[in-house]
């Protein structure tokens, strides 16, 4: 019916129908879209919202404690602040980065570059900040700054135990030393931290995450003795300064158990460095090898303690090589040859030994292979094979040239002499402990040793070596009332392919007490400039260490057996 009596035109009728159909289609599309969002795509949308409202962060691993033999903590993990930013929320990047540079040491330019280049809603600035005053950052009114707390490694005694313990990286994974060797035992993953974005865009840990407990890794108890480590480190450092040496090394170990009680390097290797000077650096030992040569010769029957030897009055020319002694001897006994460190006599002993017997004897004492202490980077040293020998090689071996040994190998060889001829593998680990109760989870006991010489030969050599300290080149180590068996060593170093008269390795190795040794102590100074011989610069360090040990209620047991303690008391 037309309005006002006029018929409705077909065009208007189609227009109305079209508008109605379009409106209906629109409403149908909206309904379908709502259905899709509310039903079919609901989970996907919820995940997107969560992704924008929550941030997941992988926390640093946490590590178990490392203790000394008495349970004193040497390394532990503590909570420390970590700082990150939400680049979108940063209000004043320049202001923030100036404070970051002042507090965290991250250059402001680098901080700005990282914020500008960030693709996500979170990036780390610095993690595990320890030993730094962070109050300026903590009080900064910057909505984009995010502060968390993570566990980081702290070494209670600074660098004192660094040569043994090693270090961890910024990711809290072991880089060197026991930290690397025991990484799988000490490290537990830190887990994931869930942070929620507030209505204003700030990131905060969720309540559930804040209350979640973290797994505590087991603790490792070492064989080290903190007081002895401290004494040895102090006296070695004093000796390095006096001698103006480039570095100093020292080891103290129990010969019967292989337990390392002190493990010192001055200066210590840089934190994070894989360099382990006590096990990875090899030196020509010089005269400290002579007791080993004497033991091999006695065992082989080519010499007896009562024999009179030819000292050639301190100068012997053989095969175009001239061998010279600092203290000329005419017809010394083996005791005198050791006491005054005769190169001439020991070159002859090296020459008299069959080559196969000489090489087998040297290798039996552990030279030419890693000791097995378990520290990363341990070197085998250099012991030429028989087929690599030159005619003069046995001569030079006699007084410690032509082969290279690590300080730990040398200490272990003397430990075999001290242990009546039985070589025991050195060890730094004693037990794995439950962190909260201290219950022993696993024990690392001494391993059975290997006999390298007879007990009789070992005792003879020790008795001969007392003359070194009583009357010979090691007189500066002498302490009245204490019998010390030891040997000095002075070895020229190769510089540009030639032996230098200015660059030396000066050493002294002692076994105390001489009759029944409880401790072997090695002292080595590298390139001393004030004095060059082991008797001059290394022996006094040993004397100072032992003197301080005699005053210690625990450490004195290494020096005084019941019989020597009685003699000391009666005197």
Protein backbone atom coordinates (compact mmCIF):
# COMPACT_ATOMS: atom_id res chain seq x y z
CA UNK A 1 0.00 0.00 0.00
CA UNK A 2 1.41 3.40 -0.95
CA UNK A 3 1.78 6.16 1.58
CA UNK A 4 -0.88 8.83 1.08
CA UNK A 5 -2.52 6.51 -1.42
CA UNK A 6 0.53 6.34 -3.72
CA UNK A 7 1.83 2.85 -4.67
CA UNK A 8 5.36 1.84 -3.33
CA UNK A 9 7.89 1.65 -6.15
CA UNK A 10 9.79 -1.63 -6.78
CA UNK A 11 13.14 0.18 -6.33
CA UNK A 12 12.30 1.29 -2.78
CA UNK A 13 11.08 -2.18 -1.94
CA UNK A 14 14.42 -3.74 -3.03
CA UNK A 15 16.30 -1.05 -1.14
CA UNK A 16 14.53 -1.87 2.09
CA UNK A 17 15.10 -5.55 1.55
CA UNK A 18 18.78 -4.93 0.82
CA UNK A 19 19.25 -2.87 3.97
CA UNK A 20 17.52 -5.51 6.01
CA UNK A 21 19.58 -8.32 4.54
CA UNK A 22 22.82 -6.34 5.05
CA UNK A 23 21.92 -5.56 8.64
CA UNK A 24 21.02 -9.16 9.27
CA UNK A 25 24.22 -10.36 7.65
CA UNK A 26 26.23 -7.93 9.77
CA UNK A 27 24.57 -9.12 12.94
CA UNK A 28 25.12 -12.71 11.83
CA UNK A 29 28.83 -12.00 11.19
CA UNK A 30 29.19 -10.39 14.60
CA UNK A 31 27.49 -13.36 16.18
CA UNK A 32 29.72 -15.81 14.30
CA UNK A 33 32.83 -13.81 15.29
CA UNK A 34 31.73 -13.75 18.90
CA UNK A 35 31.12 -17.46 18.73
CA UNK A 36 34.59 -17.98 17.27
CA UNK A 37 36.26 -15.80 19.92
CA UNK A 38 34.28 -17.16 22.85
CA UNK A 39 34.33 -20.82 21.91
CA UNK A 40 36.73 -21.86 19.20
CA UNK A 41 39.61 -19.37 19.76
CA UNK A 42 39.16 -18.80 23.49
CA UNK A 43 42.22 -20.81 24.57
CA UNK A 44 44.47 -19.18 21.97
CA UNK A 45 43.35 -15.73 23.08
CA UNK A 46 43.87 -16.59 26.71
CA UNK A 47 47.41 -17.69 25.88
CA UNK A 48 48.05 -14.39 24.09
CA UNK A 49 46.80 -12.44 27.07
CA UNK A 50 48.99 -14.50 29.37
CA UNK A 51 51.98 -13.93 27.12
CA UNK A 52 51.45 -10.19 27.39
CA UNK A 53 50.60 -10.22 31.09
CA UNK A 54 53.28 -12.71 32.23
CA UNK A 55 57.01 -13.02 31.62
CA UNK A 56 58.96 -16.23 32.23
CA UNK A 57 62.62 -15.87 33.22
CA UNK A 58 65.20 -18.63 33.60
CA UNK A 59 66.96 -18.08 36.94
CA UNK A 60 70.64 -18.69 37.54
CA UNK A 61 71.58 -22.16 38.81
CA UNK A 62 72.34 -22.53 42.50
CA UNK A 63 75.41 -24.38 43.76
CA UNK A 64 76.24 -26.43 46.82
CA UNK A 65 78.78 -25.34 49.40
CA UNK A 66 82.44 -26.35 49.28
CA UNK A 67 84.08 -26.80 52.68
CA UNK A 68 87.50 -27.61 54.05
CA UNK A 69 88.28 -30.86 55.89
CA UNK A 70 86.78 -29.50 59.13
CA UNK A 71 83.55 -28.24 57.56
CA UNK A 72 84.55 -24.58 57.31
CA UNK A 73 82.77 -23.10 54.31
CA UNK A 74 85.11 -22.02 51.50
CA UNK A 75 82.56 -21.34 48.75
CA UNK A 76 78.82 -20.81 49.02
CA UNK A 77 75.89 -19.36 47.09
CA UNK A 78 74.08 -16.30 48.43
CA UNK A 79 71.15 -14.22 47.23
CA UNK A 80 72.14 -11.10 45.34
CA UNK A 81 70.24 -8.59 43.19
CA UNK A 82 69.93 -9.00 39.44
CA UNK A 83 68.73 -6.13 37.26
CA UNK A 84 66.77 -6.11 34.01
CA UNK A 85 64.53 -3.72 32.10
CA UNK A 86 61.24 -3.70 30.25
CA UNK A 87 62.29 -1.51 27.27
CA UNK A 88 58.68 -0.44 26.57
CA UNK A 89 58.18 0.84 30.10
CA UNK A 90 61.46 2.74 30.43
CA UNK A 91 60.56 6.38 31.00
CA UNK A 92 64.02 7.94 30.67
CA UNK A 93 66.60 5.62 29.08
CA UNK A 94 69.41 8.17 29.49
CA UNK A 95 68.70 8.65 33.21
CA UNK A 96 68.51 4.91 33.80
CA UNK A 97 71.71 4.13 31.90
CA UNK A 98 73.67 6.82 33.74
CA UNK A 99 72.78 5.15 37.04
CA UNK A 100 73.49 1.70 35.61
CA UNK A 101 76.97 2.83 34.62
CA UNK A 102 77.63 4.37 38.03
CA UNK A 103 76.41 1.35 40.01
CA UNK A 104 76.85 -1.72 37.81
CA UNK A 105 79.78 -0.62 35.66
CA UNK A 106 77.92 -1.22 32.39
CA UNK A 107 78.79 1.60 30.00
CA UNK A 108 75.89 3.99 29.47
CA UNK A 109 76.32 3.86 25.68
CA UNK A 110 76.13 0.07 25.68
CA UNK A 111 73.11 0.17 28.00
CA UNK A 112 71.28 2.52 25.62
CA UNK A 113 72.17 0.40 22.61
CA UNK A 114 70.82 -2.73 24.25
CA UNK A 115 67.56 -1.05 25.24
CA UNK A 116 67.08 0.40 21.75
CA UNK A 117 67.81 -2.93 20.04
CA UNK A 118 65.59 -5.00 22.36
CA UNK A 119 62.85 -6.94 20.59
CA UNK A 120 60.95 -8.33 23.56
CA UNK A 121 59.60 -6.90 26.77
CA UNK A 122 62.55 -7.91 28.97
CA UNK A 123 66.34 -7.91 28.86
CA UNK A 124 69.01 -8.43 31.49
CA UNK A 125 71.41 -5.65 32.44
CA UNK A 126 73.55 -7.34 35.09
CA UNK A 127 72.99 -10.52 37.07
CA UNK A 128 74.18 -11.57 40.49
CA UNK A 129 75.54 -8.22 41.68
CA UNK A 130 77.56 -8.94 44.83
CA UNK A 131 79.74 -6.66 46.92
CA UNK A 132 78.41 -3.46 45.31
CA UNK A 133 76.32 -0.69 46.89
CA UNK A 134 73.16 -0.77 44.76
CA UNK A 135 71.01 1.68 46.76
CA UNK A 136 71.11 4.30 43.99
CA UNK A 137 69.45 1.83 41.61
CA UNK A 138 67.12 0.36 44.19
CA UNK A 139 65.63 3.78 44.97
CA UNK A 140 65.46 4.96 41.36
CA UNK A 141 61.92 5.94 40.26
CA UNK A 142 61.98 4.15 36.92
CA UNK A 143 58.98 1.94 36.00
CA UNK A 144 60.99 0.02 33.39
CA UNK A 145 63.66 -1.18 35.86
CA UNK A 146 63.15 -4.74 37.14
CA UNK A 147 65.00 -6.04 40.20
CA UNK A 148 65.16 -9.74 41.09
CA UNK A 149 67.15 -11.82 43.55
CA UNK A 150 69.22 -14.77 42.37
CA UNK A 151 71.87 -16.95 43.99
CA UNK A 152 75.49 -16.25 43.08
CA UNK A 153 78.83 -17.79 44.07
CA UNK A 154 80.84 -16.19 46.86
CA UNK A 155 84.30 -17.27 48.02
CA UNK A 156 84.67 -16.68 51.75
CA UNK A 157 88.46 -16.30 51.68
CA UNK A 158 88.70 -14.40 48.43
CA UNK A 159 91.42 -15.81 46.19
CA UNK A 160 93.15 -17.88 48.88
CA UNK A 161 91.71 -21.18 47.63
CA UNK A 162 91.41 -20.22 43.97
CA UNK A 163 94.17 -22.62 42.76
CA UNK A 164 92.17 -25.59 44.07
CA UNK A 165 88.54 -24.45 43.92
CA UNK A 166 88.71 -22.61 40.60
CA UNK A 167 85.78 -20.35 39.70
CA UNK A 168 82.36 -20.16 38.06
CA UNK A 169 81.19 -17.97 35.19
CA UNK A 170 78.39 -15.38 35.18
CA UNK A 171 76.02 -18.24 34.39
CA UNK A 172 77.13 -19.97 37.63
CA UNK A 173 78.57 -22.93 35.75
CA UNK A 174 82.03 -24.21 36.70
CA UNK A 175 84.91 -22.82 34.67
CA UNK A 176 87.97 -24.27 36.39
CA UNK A 177 89.28 -26.21 39.37
CA UNK A 178 86.93 -28.20 41.58
CA UNK A 179 84.04 -25.97 40.51
CA UNK A 180 84.38 -27.47 37.03
CA UNK A 181 85.43 -30.96 38.09
CA UNK A 182 82.43 -31.25 40.46
CA UNK A 183 79.98 -29.18 38.41
CA UNK A 184 77.46 -32.00 38.01
CA UNK A 185 77.52 -32.62 41.78
CA UNK A 186 77.35 -29.00 42.90
CA UNK A 187 74.98 -27.36 40.41
CA UNK A 188 71.18 -27.44 40.34
CA UNK A 189 69.16 -25.50 37.78
CA UNK A 190 67.57 -22.37 39.20
CA UNK A 191 64.13 -22.97 37.69
CA UNK A 192 61.79 -20.55 35.95
CA UNK A 193 60.50 -17.37 37.55
CA UNK A 194 57.02 -16.25 36.43
CA UNK A 195 56.44 -12.49 36.63
CA UNK A 196 53.03 -10.80 36.23
CA UNK A 197 52.50 -7.44 34.61
CA UNK A 198 50.37 -5.11 36.74
CA UNK A 199 47.69 -2.77 35.36
CA UNK A 200 50.36 -0.04 35.18
CA UNK A 201 52.73 -2.35 33.30
CA UNK A 202 55.17 -3.14 36.13
CA UNK A 203 56.56 -6.66 36.38
CA UNK A 204 56.23 -8.43 39.75
CA UNK A 205 56.87 -12.07 40.76
CA UNK A 206 53.69 -14.10 41.17
CA UNK A 207 52.75 -15.04 44.72
CA UNK A 208 53.01 -18.75 43.95
CA UNK A 209 56.47 -18.34 42.49
CA UNK A 210 57.70 -16.22 45.40
CA UNK A 211 56.70 -18.94 47.84
CA UNK A 212 58.05 -21.88 45.82
CA UNK A 213 61.01 -23.64 47.52
CA UNK A 214 64.27 -24.09 45.63
CA UNK A 215 66.26 -27.32 45.52
CA UNK A 216 69.48 -27.13 47.56
CA UNK A 217 72.43 -29.01 46.00
CA UNK A 218 74.69 -31.23 48.12
CA UNK A 219 77.88 -29.87 49.66
CA UNK A 220 81.41 -31.06 48.88
CA UNK A 221 83.94 -31.47 51.67
CA UNK A 222 87.55 -31.18 50.52
CA UNK A 223 90.80 -32.38 52.06
CA UNK A 224 92.11 -28.81 52.42
CA UNK A 225 92.97 -27.34 55.82
CA UNK A 226 92.15 -23.64 56.01
CA UNK A 227 94.74 -22.76 58.65
CA UNK A 228 97.55 -24.57 56.81
CA UNK A 229 96.49 -23.01 53.50
CA UNK A 230 96.63 -19.59 55.12
CA UNK A 231 100.06 -20.19 56.69
CA UNK A 232 101.57 -21.56 53.49
CA UNK A 233 100.08 -18.77 51.37
CA UNK A 234 101.38 -16.05 53.70
CA UNK A 235 104.92 -17.41 53.97
CA UNK A 236 105.09 -18.14 50.25
CA UNK A 237 103.96 -14.61 49.42
CA UNK A 238 106.62 -13.21 51.76
CA UNK A 239 109.24 -15.37 50.09
CA UNK A 240 108.16 -14.29 46.61
CA UNK A 241 108.55 -10.65 47.63
CA UNK A 242 111.97 -11.21 49.25
CA UNK A 243 113.30 -13.10 46.24
CA UNK A 244 111.60 -10.78 43.74
CA UNK A 245 110.28 -13.89 42.00
CA UNK A 246 107.70 -13.81 39.24
CA UNK A 247 105.59 -16.41 41.06
CA UNK A 248 105.58 -19.03 43.76
CA UNK A 249 103.94 -22.44 44.15
CA UNK A 250 103.44 -24.64 47.20
CA UNK A 251 101.80 -27.97 48.02
CA UNK A 252 101.37 -29.81 51.30
CA UNK A 253 100.02 -33.36 51.23
CA UNK A 254 99.82 -36.44 53.40
CA UNK A 255 101.96 -39.21 51.86
CA UNK A 256 99.94 -42.14 53.24
CA UNK A 257 96.49 -40.92 52.18
CA UNK A 258 97.23 -38.56 49.28
CA UNK A 259 95.12 -35.89 50.99
CA UNK A 260 96.16 -32.43 49.80
CA UNK A 261 96.12 -30.07 52.80
CA UNK A 262 97.44 -26.92 51.09
CA UNK A 263 97.45 -25.94 47.42
CA UNK A 264 98.83 -22.45 46.85
CA UNK A 265 99.86 -20.25 43.93
CA UNK A 266 101.20 -16.70 44.34
CA UNK A 267 99.84 -14.84 42.53
CA UNK A 268 96.76 -17.00 41.92
CA UNK A 269 95.63 -17.46 38.32
CA UNK A 270 93.04 -14.92 37.10
CA UNK A 271 89.53 -15.82 38.23
CA UNK A 272 87.80 -17.69 35.45
CA UNK A 273 91.08 -18.68 33.81
CA UNK A 274 91.54 -22.34 32.96
CA UNK A 275 95.23 -22.05 33.89
CA UNK A 276 96.13 -24.29 36.84
CA UNK A 277 99.86 -23.75 37.50
CA UNK A 278 100.25 -26.51 40.09
CA UNK A 279 99.04 -29.21 37.69
CA UNK A 280 99.34 -27.76 34.19
CA UNK A 281 102.79 -26.10 34.20
CA UNK A 282 105.80 -28.38 33.76
CA UNK A 283 109.39 -27.51 34.68
CA UNK A 284 112.76 -29.16 34.39
CA UNK A 285 113.18 -30.11 38.05
CA UNK A 286 116.93 -29.77 38.45
CA UNK A 287 118.50 -31.18 41.59
CA UNK A 288 115.22 -32.05 43.33
CA UNK A 289 115.16 -35.07 41.01
CA UNK A 290 118.39 -36.45 42.51
CA UNK A 291 116.70 -38.33 45.39
CA UNK A 292 114.54 -40.13 42.81
CA UNK A 293 117.67 -41.02 40.80
CA UNK A 294 119.32 -42.21 44.02
CA UNK A 295 116.29 -44.40 44.81
CA UNK A 296 116.28 -45.95 41.33
CA UNK A 297 120.05 -46.55 41.50
CA UNK A 298 119.85 -48.11 44.99
CA UNK A 299 116.95 -50.29 43.92
CA UNK A 300 118.83 -51.43 40.81
CA UNK A 301 121.97 -52.21 42.85
CA UNK A 302 124.30 -49.91 40.89
CA UNK A 303 125.23 -48.01 44.06
CA UNK A 304 125.26 -48.57 47.81
CA UNK A 305 125.07 -45.96 50.57
CA UNK A 306 128.58 -46.88 51.72
CA UNK A 307 130.17 -46.56 48.27
CA UNK A 308 132.84 -43.97 47.63
CA UNK A 309 132.01 -42.11 44.44
CA UNK A 310 134.13 -40.05 42.06
CA UNK A 311 133.41 -36.32 42.36
CA UNK A 312 136.10 -35.35 39.80
CA UNK A 313 136.81 -32.39 42.06
CA UNK A 314 133.62 -30.72 40.88
CA UNK A 315 134.33 -30.66 37.13
CA UNK A 316 133.78 -33.45 34.62
CA UNK A 317 133.91 -33.34 30.85
CA UNK A 318 132.11 -36.09 28.96
CA UNK A 319 130.89 -36.30 25.37
CA UNK A 320 131.73 -32.68 24.75
CA UNK A 321 129.70 -31.53 27.76
CA UNK A 322 131.25 -30.04 30.88
CA UNK A 323 129.38 -30.76 34.10
CA UNK A 324 130.23 -28.50 37.04
CA UNK A 325 129.45 -28.56 40.77
CA UNK A 326 128.97 -25.50 42.97
CA UNK A 327 130.61 -27.40 45.85
CA UNK A 328 133.54 -29.44 44.43
CA UNK A 329 133.91 -32.94 45.89
CA UNK A 330 136.72 -35.45 45.41
CA UNK A 331 135.52 -38.81 46.71
CA UNK A 332 132.10 -38.31 48.29
CA UNK A 333 129.70 -40.88 49.65
CA UNK A 334 126.13 -40.89 48.38
CA UNK A 335 125.15 -38.96 51.53
CA UNK A 336 127.68 -36.24 50.77
CA UNK A 337 126.74 -36.16 47.08
CA UNK A 338 123.12 -35.49 48.05
CA UNK A 339 123.98 -33.06 50.84
CA UNK A 340 126.07 -30.89 48.52
CA UNK A 341 124.04 -31.64 45.38
CA UNK A 342 126.79 -32.98 43.15
CA UNK A 343 125.83 -32.81 39.49
CA UNK A 344 129.00 -34.75 38.61
CA UNK A 345 128.15 -37.73 40.82
CA UNK A 346 124.51 -37.94 39.74
CA UNK A 347 125.38 -37.57 36.05
CA UNK A 348 127.52 -40.65 36.50
CA UNK A 349 124.71 -42.50 38.26
CA UNK A 350 122.38 -41.66 35.40
CA UNK A 351 124.98 -42.96 32.97
CA UNK A 352 125.55 -46.20 34.93
CA UNK A 353 121.87 -47.11 35.01
CA UNK A 354 120.63 -49.13 32.01
CA UNK A 355 118.41 -46.82 29.96
CA UNK A 356 115.36 -49.08 30.27
CA UNK A 357 115.81 -49.26 34.05
CA UNK A 358 116.23 -45.48 34.29
CA UNK A 359 113.08 -44.74 32.25
CA UNK A 360 111.04 -47.40 34.01
CA UNK A 361 112.14 -46.08 37.40
CA UNK A 362 111.30 -42.47 36.58
CA UNK A 363 107.89 -43.42 35.21
CA UNK A 364 107.18 -45.62 38.23
CA UNK A 365 107.36 -42.51 40.42
CA UNK A 366 104.52 -41.01 38.41
CA UNK A 367 106.38 -38.78 35.98
CA UNK A 368 105.14 -38.67 32.40
CA UNK A 369 101.45 -39.15 33.25
CA UNK A 370 98.76 -37.15 35.08
CA UNK A 371 98.54 -37.81 38.80
CA UNK A 372 94.78 -38.36 38.57
CA UNK A 373 93.87 -35.71 41.13
CA UNK A 374 90.87 -34.84 38.97
CA UNK A 375 91.57 -31.17 38.30
CA UNK A 376 90.86 -30.01 34.73
CA UNK A 377 93.86 -29.21 32.60
CA UNK A 378 96.33 -31.49 34.34
CA UNK A 379 99.45 -32.06 32.26
CA UNK A 380 101.37 -35.31 31.90
CA UNK A 381 104.75 -33.61 31.90
CA UNK A 382 107.48 -34.65 29.45
CA UNK A 383 109.41 -37.90 29.80
CA UNK A 384 111.10 -38.91 26.52
CA UNK A 385 110.79 -42.49 25.38
CA UNK A 386 113.87 -44.73 25.19
CA UNK A 387 113.98 -44.44 21.40
CA UNK A 388 114.08 -40.64 21.75
CA UNK A 389 117.18 -40.69 23.94
CA UNK A 390 120.42 -39.08 22.87
CA UNK A 391 123.76 -40.32 24.25
CA UNK A 392 123.84 -37.49 26.80
CA UNK A 393 120.21 -37.87 27.97
CA UNK A 394 120.93 -40.21 30.94
CA UNK A 395 123.66 -37.82 32.12
CA UNK A 396 121.30 -34.86 32.15
CA UNK A 397 118.50 -36.84 33.75
CA UNK A 398 120.91 -37.58 36.60
CA UNK A 399 120.69 -33.96 37.75
CA UNK A 400 117.19 -33.11 36.57
CA UNK A 401 117.44 -31.86 32.99
CA UNK A 402 115.97 -33.25 29.77
CA UNK A 403 112.52 -33.97 31.24
CA UNK A 404 109.73 -31.82 32.66
CA UNK A 405 107.44 -32.43 35.64
CA UNK A 406 104.55 -30.59 37.24
CA UNK A 407 104.81 -29.37 40.85
CA UNK A 408 102.14 -31.89 41.91
CA UNK A 409 103.98 -34.78 40.23
CA UNK A 410 107.14 -33.81 42.10
CA UNK A 411 105.33 -33.62 45.44
CA UNK A 412 103.75 -37.03 44.81
CA UNK A 413 107.11 -38.61 43.96
CA UNK A 414 108.50 -37.41 47.30
CA UNK A 415 105.33 -38.69 48.95
CA UNK A 416 106.24 -42.17 47.65
CA UNK A 417 109.63 -41.84 49.37
CA UNK A 418 107.87 -40.66 52.52
CA UNK A 419 105.33 -43.50 52.37
CA UNK A 420 108.00 -46.23 52.42
CA UNK A 421 108.00 -46.64 48.64
CA UNK A 422 104.23 -46.65 47.96
CA UNK A 423 102.86 -44.06 45.52
CA UNK A 424 99.32 -42.93 46.38
CA UNK A 425 97.03 -40.96 44.09
CA UNK A 426 96.58 -37.39 45.39
CA UNK A 427 93.06 -36.25 46.19
CA UNK A 428 91.20 -33.04 46.98
CA UNK A 429 87.75 -34.54 47.62
CA UNK A 430 86.76 -36.14 50.90
CA UNK A 431 82.96 -36.48 50.95
CA UNK A 432 79.62 -35.43 49.48
CA UNK A 433 77.23 -34.15 52.15
CA UNK A 434 73.48 -33.61 52.53
CA UNK A 435 73.26 -29.79 52.72
CA UNK A 436 70.90 -29.38 55.66
CA UNK A 437 71.86 -32.22 57.97
CA UNK A 438 75.49 -32.75 56.99
CA UNK A 439 74.82 -36.46 56.50
CA UNK A 440 77.51 -38.13 54.40
CA UNK A 441 76.05 -39.15 51.04
CA UNK A 442 79.26 -40.38 49.47
CA UNK A 443 82.85 -40.84 50.58
CA UNK A 444 85.95 -40.38 48.41
CA UNK A 445 88.42 -42.60 50.26
CA UNK A 446 92.16 -42.94 49.57
CA UNK A 447 92.88 -45.37 46.78
CA UNK A 448 95.28 -48.28 47.28
CA UNK A 449 98.80 -47.21 46.44
CA UNK A 450 101.33 -48.77 44.08
CA UNK A 451 104.72 -49.88 45.34
CA UNK A 452 107.51 -48.30 43.29
CA UNK A 453 110.53 -49.15 45.49
CA UNK A 454 111.07 -51.24 48.60
CA UNK A 455 110.46 -49.78 52.02
CA UNK A 456 114.13 -50.30 52.83
CA UNK A 457 115.25 -48.20 49.87
CA UNK A 458 112.80 -45.43 50.72
CA UNK A 459 114.03 -45.30 54.33
CA UNK A 460 117.65 -45.21 53.19
CA UNK A 461 116.98 -42.29 50.88
CA UNK A 462 115.14 -40.36 53.61
CA UNK A 463 118.02 -40.92 56.01
CA UNK A 464 120.49 -39.69 53.40
CA UNK A 465 118.37 -36.60 52.79
CA UNK A 466 118.55 -35.47 56.42
CA UNK A 467 122.16 -34.47 55.65
CA UNK A 468 120.88 -31.92 53.12
CA UNK A 469 119.16 -29.97 55.90
CA UNK A 470 121.67 -30.66 58.68
CA UNK A 471 124.84 -29.78 56.81
CA UNK A 472 124.24 -29.30 53.11
CA UNK A 473 122.48 -26.99 50.66
CA UNK A 474 119.24 -27.00 52.67
CA UNK A 475 120.73 -25.70 55.94
CA UNK A 476 118.39 -22.68 55.88
CA UNK A 477 115.47 -25.04 56.44
CA UNK A 478 117.01 -26.51 59.60
CA UNK A 479 115.00 -26.32 62.84
CA UNK A 480 116.68 -27.64 66.01
CA UNK A 481 114.92 -30.71 67.33
CA UNK A 482 113.04 -31.49 64.11
CA UNK A 483 114.43 -34.06 61.69
CA UNK A 484 113.70 -32.95 58.14
CA UNK A 485 114.49 -34.97 55.04
CA UNK A 486 114.57 -32.73 52.00
CA UNK A 487 116.31 -31.62 48.85
CA UNK A 488 117.01 -28.29 47.24
CA UNK A 489 116.81 -27.71 43.53
CA UNK A 490 117.97 -25.00 41.14
CA UNK A 491 117.22 -25.38 37.44
CA UNK A 492 118.11 -22.99 34.65
CA UNK A 493 115.18 -22.25 32.36
CA UNK A 494 115.20 -22.36 28.61
CA UNK A 495 114.90 -18.87 27.12
CA UNK A 496 114.86 -18.54 23.33
CA UNK A 497 116.20 -22.07 23.01
CA UNK A 498 119.17 -21.58 25.37
CA UNK A 499 119.61 -22.13 29.10
CA UNK A 500 119.60 -18.76 30.83
CA UNK A 501 121.88 -17.78 33.70
CA UNK A 502 119.28 -15.26 34.86
CA UNK A 503 116.05 -17.34 34.70
CA UNK A 504 115.83 -20.15 37.26
CA UNK A 505 113.35 -22.39 39.01
CA UNK A 506 114.31 -22.64 42.68
CA UNK A 507 112.68 -25.34 44.79
CA UNK A 508 112.78 -27.28 48.02
CA UNK A 509 110.83 -30.43 48.87
CA UNK A 510 110.71 -31.70 52.46
CA UNK A 511 109.37 -34.72 54.31
CA UNK A 512 108.60 -34.27 58.02
CA UNK A 513 109.42 -35.82 60.35
CA UNK A 514 112.19 -37.66 58.50
CA UNK A 515 111.86 -41.02 60.25
CA UNK A 516 108.11 -41.43 59.74
CA UNK A 517 106.92 -38.57 57.51
CA UNK A 518 103.39 -37.29 58.04
CA UNK A 519 103.58 -34.44 55.54
CA UNK A 520 105.35 -33.58 52.30
CA UNK A 521 105.79 -29.89 51.54
CA UNK A 522 106.92 -28.52 48.18
CA UNK A 523 108.07 -24.93 47.70
CA UNK A 524 108.90 -23.57 44.23
CA UNK A 525 109.84 -20.05 43.17
CA UNK A 526 109.82 -19.16 39.49
CA UNK A 527 112.52 -16.77 38.27
CA UNK A 528 113.74 -15.27 41.54
CA UNK A 529 116.03 -12.25 41.11
CA UNK A 530 117.37 -11.92 44.66
CA UNK A 531 119.13 -15.26 45.06
CA UNK A 532 118.67 -18.06 42.58
CA UNK A 533 119.15 -21.37 44.38
CA UNK A 534 116.55 -23.41 46.17
CA UNK A 535 118.67 -23.35 49.31
CA UNK A 536 118.75 -19.55 49.30
CA UNK A 537 115.13 -18.69 48.54
CA UNK A 538 112.91 -21.77 48.97
CA UNK A 539 114.38 -23.46 52.07
CA UNK A 540 113.74 -20.43 54.35
CA UNK A 541 110.07 -20.47 53.33
CA UNK A 542 109.79 -24.10 54.36
CA UNK A 543 111.44 -23.31 57.70
CA UNK A 544 108.98 -20.47 58.40
CA UNK A 545 105.99 -22.69 57.56
CA UNK A 546 107.13 -25.49 59.85
CA UNK A 547 107.90 -23.11 62.69
CA UNK A 548 104.37 -21.71 62.57
CA UNK A 549 102.93 -25.22 62.35
CA UNK A 550 104.69 -26.21 65.57
CA UNK A 551 102.64 -23.57 67.41
CA UNK A 552 99.30 -24.72 66.00
CA UNK A 553 97.30 -27.18 68.13
CA UNK A 554 96.24 -29.28 65.13
CA UNK A 555 99.05 -28.83 62.63
CA UNK A 556 101.83 -29.64 65.08
CA UNK A 557 100.86 -33.32 64.85
CA UNK A 558 102.36 -33.40 61.37
CA UNK A 559 105.76 -32.46 62.75
CA UNK A 560 105.92 -34.09 66.15
CA UNK A 561 105.43 -37.84 66.42
CA UNK A 562 104.96 -39.05 70.01
CA UNK A 563 108.71 -39.72 70.31
CA UNK A 564 109.78 -36.33 68.95
CA UNK A 565 107.18 -34.58 71.09
CA UNK A 566 108.63 -36.32 74.17
CA UNK A 567 112.15 -35.23 73.21
CA UNK A 568 110.98 -31.66 72.68
CA UNK A 569 109.31 -31.66 76.08
CA UNK A 570 112.34 -33.10 77.88
CA UNK A 571 114.67 -30.56 76.33
